[in-house]
Protein backbone atom coordinates (compact mmCIF):
# COMPACT_ATOMS: atom_id res chain seq x y z
CA MET A 1 79.11 85.72 107.57
CA CYS A 2 78.40 87.91 104.91
CA HIS A 3 75.27 89.12 107.14
CA LEU A 4 77.64 89.38 109.90
CA ALA A 5 80.03 91.58 108.35
CA ALA A 6 76.96 93.47 107.14
CA ILE A 7 75.39 93.64 110.68
CA ALA A 8 79.13 94.48 112.40
CA PHE A 9 79.67 97.48 109.91
CA VAL A 10 76.41 99.40 110.49
CA ARG A 11 76.59 98.84 114.16
CA GLY A 12 80.05 99.48 114.49
CA VAL A 13 79.18 103.11 112.87
CA ARG A 14 76.02 103.60 114.63
CA PRO A 15 76.62 106.20 117.76
CA PRO A 16 76.97 105.84 120.74
CA MET A 17 81.26 104.07 120.00
CA SER A 18 81.49 102.73 123.28
CA TYR A 19 84.19 99.70 122.43
CA GLY A 20 87.37 101.58 122.30
CA PRO A 21 88.70 100.34 125.51
CA GLU A 22 87.44 96.47 124.03
CA LEU A 23 89.47 97.92 120.82
CA ALA A 24 92.50 98.59 122.46
CA SER A 25 92.38 94.96 124.78
CA GLN A 26 92.22 93.27 121.60
CA PHE A 27 94.64 94.85 119.31
CA ARG A 28 97.46 94.66 122.18
CA PHE A 29 97.14 91.10 123.26
CA ALA A 30 96.66 89.75 119.26
CA LEU A 31 99.91 91.91 118.90
CA ARG A 32 101.91 90.78 122.21
CA ILE A 33 101.00 86.91 121.27
CA SER A 34 102.07 87.15 117.33
CA TRP A 35 104.58 89.98 116.94
CA PHE A 36 107.59 87.65 116.79
CA THR A 37 105.95 85.02 114.87
CA LEU A 38 105.42 87.60 111.81
CA ILE A 39 108.97 89.05 112.08
CA LEU A 40 111.03 85.79 112.00
CA THR A 41 108.61 84.15 109.61
CA SER A 42 108.86 87.26 107.10
CA PHE A 43 112.57 87.20 107.86
CA ALA A 44 113.02 83.57 107.16
CA LEU A 45 111.13 83.55 103.88
CA ALA A 46 112.93 86.48 102.83
CA PHE A 47 116.38 85.59 103.34
CA GLY A 48 115.32 81.96 102.37
CA PRO A 49 113.22 80.87 99.49
CA ALA A 50 113.34 84.32 97.95
CA GLY A 51 116.67 85.63 98.91
CA ILE A 52 119.07 82.54 98.36
CA GLN A 53 116.97 80.89 95.57
CA ALA A 54 117.02 84.57 93.59
CA SER A 55 120.72 85.68 94.59
CA SER A 56 122.04 81.99 93.18
CA PHE A 57 119.57 82.25 90.02
CA LEU A 58 121.22 85.95 89.17
CA ALA A 59 124.76 85.34 89.97
CA LEU A 60 124.66 82.92 87.01
CA PHE A 61 123.84 86.06 84.59
CA GLY A 62 126.05 88.48 86.48
CA ALA A 63 123.02 90.40 86.79
CA LEU A 64 122.89 90.54 90.86
CA ASP A 65 122.29 93.95 91.06
CA ARG A 66 118.62 93.01 89.44
CA LEU A 67 117.60 91.67 92.72
CA GLY A 68 116.19 94.24 94.29
CA ALA A 69 113.38 94.57 91.68
CA ALA A 70 112.57 90.40 92.41
CA TYR A 71 112.65 91.63 96.17
CA GLU A 72 110.11 94.37 94.99
CA LEU A 73 107.77 92.27 93.35
CA ILE A 74 107.74 89.21 96.37
CA GLU A 75 107.95 91.03 99.72
CA VAL A 76 105.84 94.15 98.77
CA ARG A 77 103.18 92.18 96.52
CA GLU A 78 102.79 88.89 97.64
CA PHE A 79 105.21 87.85 100.85
CA ALA A 80 104.18 91.02 102.89
CA PRO A 81 100.58 90.27 103.12
CA LEU A 82 100.48 86.72 102.43
CA VAL A 83 102.77 86.12 106.14
CA THR A 84 100.46 88.92 107.33
CA ALA A 85 97.62 86.89 106.81
CA ILE A 86 98.78 83.31 107.92
CA VAL A 87 100.02 84.56 111.15
CA VAL A 88 97.24 86.72 111.84
CA ALA A 89 94.96 83.76 111.22
CA GLY A 90 97.07 81.42 112.68
CA VAL A 91 97.47 82.65 115.90
CA ALA A 92 95.22 85.91 116.80
CA GLY A 93 92.44 84.85 114.84
CA THR A 94 92.10 81.41 116.89
CA ALA A 95 92.59 82.87 120.03
CA ILE A 96 89.64 84.69 119.12
CA CYS A 97 87.89 81.99 117.92
CA ALA A 98 88.03 79.94 121.23
CA ASP A 99 87.31 82.92 123.64
CA LEU A 100 84.19 83.90 121.76
CA GLY A 101 83.25 79.73 121.67
CA ALA A 102 84.03 79.56 125.10
CA ARG A 103 82.04 82.42 126.00
CA GLN A 104 79.31 81.01 123.91
CA VAL A 105 79.45 77.70 125.61
CA ARG A 106 78.82 79.39 128.98
CA GLU A 107 76.25 81.32 127.61
CA GLU A 108 77.99 84.70 128.49
CA THR A 109 76.70 86.02 125.12
CA ALA A 110 73.17 85.04 126.23
CA ALA A 111 73.50 86.72 129.35
CA LEU A 112 74.39 89.83 127.76
CA ARG A 113 71.43 89.53 125.67
CA VAL A 114 69.34 89.96 128.35
CA LEU A 115 71.28 92.96 129.74
CA GLY A 116 70.41 94.61 127.07
CA VAL A 117 74.35 94.43 125.20
CA ASP A 118 74.48 94.08 121.46
CA PRO A 119 77.25 91.07 121.95
CA VAL A 120 77.37 91.89 117.82
CA LYS A 121 78.81 95.21 118.78
CA GLY A 122 80.36 94.02 122.31
CA LEU A 123 82.06 91.67 120.65
CA VAL A 124 82.84 91.16 117.37
CA VAL A 125 83.12 94.83 116.18
CA PRO A 126 85.97 95.62 118.08
CA ARG A 127 87.82 92.47 116.92
CA LEU A 128 87.03 93.39 113.72
CA VAL A 129 88.62 96.25 113.91
CA ALA A 130 91.68 95.21 116.23
CA LEU A 131 92.20 92.65 113.41
CA VAL A 132 91.96 95.22 110.23
CA ALA A 133 94.18 97.54 112.33
CA LEU A 134 96.78 95.02 113.06
CA ALA A 135 96.85 93.36 109.58
CA VAL A 136 97.73 96.57 108.15
CA PHE A 137 100.27 97.10 111.09
CA TYR A 138 101.71 93.62 110.90
CA ASP A 139 102.67 94.57 106.91
CA ILE A 140 104.58 97.16 107.42
CA LEU A 141 106.55 94.83 109.96
CA ALA A 142 106.94 91.92 107.33
CA LEU A 143 107.93 94.59 104.78
CA VAL A 144 110.65 96.05 107.62
CA SER A 145 111.80 92.63 108.13
CA GLY A 146 112.02 91.06 104.78
CA MET A 147 114.19 93.98 103.38
CA VAL A 148 116.49 93.07 106.57
CA GLY A 149 116.62 89.52 105.31
CA ALA A 150 117.13 91.02 101.35
CA MET A 151 119.87 92.87 103.15
CA LEU A 152 121.42 89.67 104.63
CA VAL A 153 121.35 87.68 101.11
CA VAL A 154 123.20 91.20 99.52
CA ALA A 155 125.75 90.90 102.17
CA GLU A 156 126.20 87.07 102.00
CA ASN A 157 126.78 87.59 98.12
CA HIS A 158 129.55 90.41 98.94
CA ALA A 159 127.30 92.50 96.66
CA PRO A 160 127.22 96.30 97.21
CA LEU A 161 123.85 97.58 98.73
CA GLY A 162 123.71 100.60 96.68
CA PRO A 163 122.43 98.44 93.00
CA PHE A 164 120.06 96.56 95.47
CA PHE A 165 117.88 99.52 96.46
CA ALA A 166 118.48 101.35 93.03
CA THR A 167 116.45 98.91 90.89
CA PHE A 168 114.01 98.04 94.06
CA PHE A 169 113.58 102.13 94.71
CA ALA A 170 113.04 101.72 90.64
CA ASN A 171 110.30 99.37 90.33
CA ALA A 172 108.50 100.32 93.98
CA THR A 173 105.29 102.84 93.31
CA PRO A 174 102.91 104.32 95.81
CA LEU A 175 100.32 102.12 94.19
CA GLU A 176 102.08 99.03 95.20
CA LEU A 177 102.48 100.07 98.76
CA GLY A 178 99.01 100.46 99.06
CA ALA A 179 97.73 97.53 97.22
CA SER A 180 99.81 95.99 99.80
CA PHE A 181 98.32 97.95 102.78
CA LEU A 182 94.21 96.69 100.95
CA LYS A 183 95.03 93.51 100.62
CA ALA A 184 96.48 92.91 104.01
CA GLY A 185 93.40 94.54 105.14
CA LEU A 186 91.27 92.21 103.38
CA TYR A 187 92.48 89.85 104.69
CA GLY A 188 92.26 91.21 108.46
CA THR A 189 88.54 91.98 108.04
CA VAL A 190 87.62 88.19 106.06
CA ILE A 191 90.01 85.89 109.18
CA ALA A 192 87.95 88.59 111.75
CA VAL A 193 84.81 87.82 110.12
CA VAL A 194 84.80 83.96 109.79
CA CYS A 195 86.40 83.59 113.14
CA CYS A 196 84.11 85.80 114.68
CA TYR A 197 81.52 83.67 113.16
CA LYS A 198 82.39 80.54 113.98
CA GLY A 199 82.86 81.48 117.90
CA MET A 200 79.64 82.99 118.06
CA ASN A 201 77.92 80.16 116.69
CA VAL A 202 79.95 77.09 118.96
CA SER A 203 77.00 74.60 120.27
CA GLY A 204 77.76 72.17 122.74
CA GLY A 205 81.18 72.13 124.79
CA ALA A 206 84.31 72.00 124.87
CA GLU A 207 84.73 69.70 121.78
CA SER A 208 82.73 71.84 119.90
CA VAL A 209 85.00 74.69 120.40
CA GLY A 210 88.48 73.48 118.84
CA ARG A 211 86.33 72.25 116.46
CA ALA A 212 84.60 75.30 115.41
CA VAL A 213 88.69 77.00 116.07
CA ASN A 214 89.89 74.30 113.01
CA GLN A 215 87.12 75.02 110.78
CA ALA A 216 87.66 79.09 111.42
CA VAL A 217 91.21 78.59 110.45
CA VAL A 218 90.54 76.23 106.92
CA ILE A 219 88.02 78.24 106.19
CA ALA A 220 90.58 81.19 106.63
CA PHE A 221 92.96 79.52 104.96
CA LEU A 222 91.01 79.33 101.86
CA ALA A 223 89.26 82.41 101.69
CA ILE A 224 92.74 83.83 101.49
CA GLY A 225 94.39 81.87 99.07
CA ALA A 226 91.18 83.43 96.97
CA ILE A 227 91.55 86.81 97.53
CA ASP A 228 95.78 86.62 96.78
CA TYR A 229 94.67 85.09 93.18
CA THR A 230 91.58 87.46 92.64
CA PHE A 231 93.06 90.70 94.04
CA THR A 232 96.89 90.20 92.10
CA GLN A 233 94.95 89.57 88.87
CA LEU A 234 92.44 92.45 89.52
CA LEU A 235 95.25 94.93 90.02
CA LEU A 236 97.69 93.84 87.31
CA ALA A 237 94.37 93.85 85.04
CA THR A 238 93.14 97.71 85.93
CA HIS A 239 97.35 98.93 86.22
CA PRO A 240 99.23 97.51 83.42
CA ILE A 241 102.23 99.25 84.55
CA LEU A 242 102.98 97.28 87.42
CA SER A 243 103.68 94.67 84.72
CA GLU A 244 106.60 96.85 83.41
CA THR A 245 110.13 95.76 85.05
CA ARG A 246 112.05 99.35 85.21
């Protein structure tokens, strides 16, 4: 998989870059099949586990205005990129793996090689770039959807929105937002590489394609957990200011 990622990067930046139409097609396809799932999941997590539980706890101490600080930590640093990764892997990644696996089973990739077309540049690179761009875009959508859920929690507790946004933006920093985008981009990269690798290395029939899709999802989810832990620990270790509550 690391070898495939290196080859895709090298061939992706090497001219001619003729994969633009395929990239746009894959981006539109992945966006169409997963945007509603992402918005719904992000809203549900922000309103339910984060909002209701946190607001109930803070209300015990009369500190509901600190909900904004909690949401900055929960939503920007964790929930938005994590929901993005789960949706991209479970919806778009599986579709890409199944598509490439079906092409491999029908020997379409072998036919491309015979015609002198590089399957990595023609099939893997556009899907890789599309998923990375989609993951960053979805991170923005997840943030917006999560904030809508947070505002609903505040309204449900009959509290003003001013203190919520005051504590939220007091703790929010450009570094935190940039780290959220970077984490989402890393998720998209790993998901694309794993799903493309599994799809391009299918052997057998339809059963092998289904098995490859299952393996791709499991590996992608394990990679998501490992990246989440490692990235967050490195971020906090190199930028201690992010651990300070303001």
